[in-house]
Amino acid sequence: MLPIVICPDCGQQAEMDQVLTAQSNQNVIYICPSCSCVIRNIETNKG
């Protein structure tokens, strides 16, 4: 079971692999399938 991500705009829930896209610079893009909210450059920690 994958973690669930909740959209900060509409509150829609979706599995992490459906809404998050990893970039080569270790940042992440979130795209809500319900309201099309986009959040870019979500910083992550390696390892």
Protein backbone atom coordinates (compact mmCIF):
# COMPACT_ATOMS: atom_id res chain seq x y z
CA MET A 1 0.00 0.00 0.00
CA LEU A 2 1.43 3.35 -1.04
CA PRO A 3 1.28 6.51 1.08
CA ILE A 4 -1.63 8.87 0.40
CA VAL A 5 -1.06 12.50 -0.61
CA ILE A 6 -3.75 15.10 0.13
CA CYS A 7 -4.12 18.14 -2.16
CA PRO A 8 -3.69 21.40 -0.22
CA ASP A 9 -6.27 23.14 -2.47
CA CYS A 10 -9.18 20.73 -2.87
CA GLY A 11 -8.42 18.03 -0.27
CA GLN A 12 -8.57 15.20 -2.83
CA GLN A 13 -6.56 12.13 -1.84
CA ALA A 14 -4.41 10.10 -4.24
CA GLU A 15 -1.63 7.54 -4.00
CA MET A 16 1.84 9.03 -4.00
CA ASP A 17 3.00 7.44 -7.27
CA GLN A 18 0.02 8.94 -9.13
CA VAL A 19 0.62 12.59 -8.15
CA LEU A 20 4.35 13.05 -7.52
CA THR A 21 7.01 13.26 -10.24
CA ALA A 22 10.70 13.14 -9.27
CA GLN A 23 13.15 15.40 -11.10
CA SER A 24 16.83 14.70 -11.65
CA ASN A 25 17.82 17.51 -9.25
CA GLN A 26 16.08 15.70 -6.35
CA ASN A 27 13.10 18.08 -6.41
CA VAL A 28 9.54 16.79 -6.77
CA ILE A 29 6.50 18.11 -8.69
CA TYR A 30 3.00 17.52 -7.32
CA ILE A 31 0.01 17.58 -9.72
CA CYS A 32 -3.50 17.02 -8.39
CA PRO A 33 -5.60 14.86 -10.76
CA SER A 34 -8.80 16.43 -9.43
CA CYS A 35 -8.24 20.22 -9.47
CA SER A 36 -4.96 20.40 -11.45
CA CYS A 37 -3.16 22.18 -8.61
CA VAL A 38 0.59 22.15 -9.33
CA ILE A 39 3.32 22.55 -6.71
CA ARG A 40 6.88 22.62 -8.06
CA ASN A 41 10.33 22.29 -6.51
CA ILE A 42 9.34 20.34 -3.43
CA GLU A 43 12.71 19.70 -1.85
CA THR A 44 13.51 16.23 -0.57
CA ASN A 45 16.30 14.67 1.48
CA LYS A 46 18.46 12.03 -0.14
CA GLY A 47 18.84 8.72 1.60
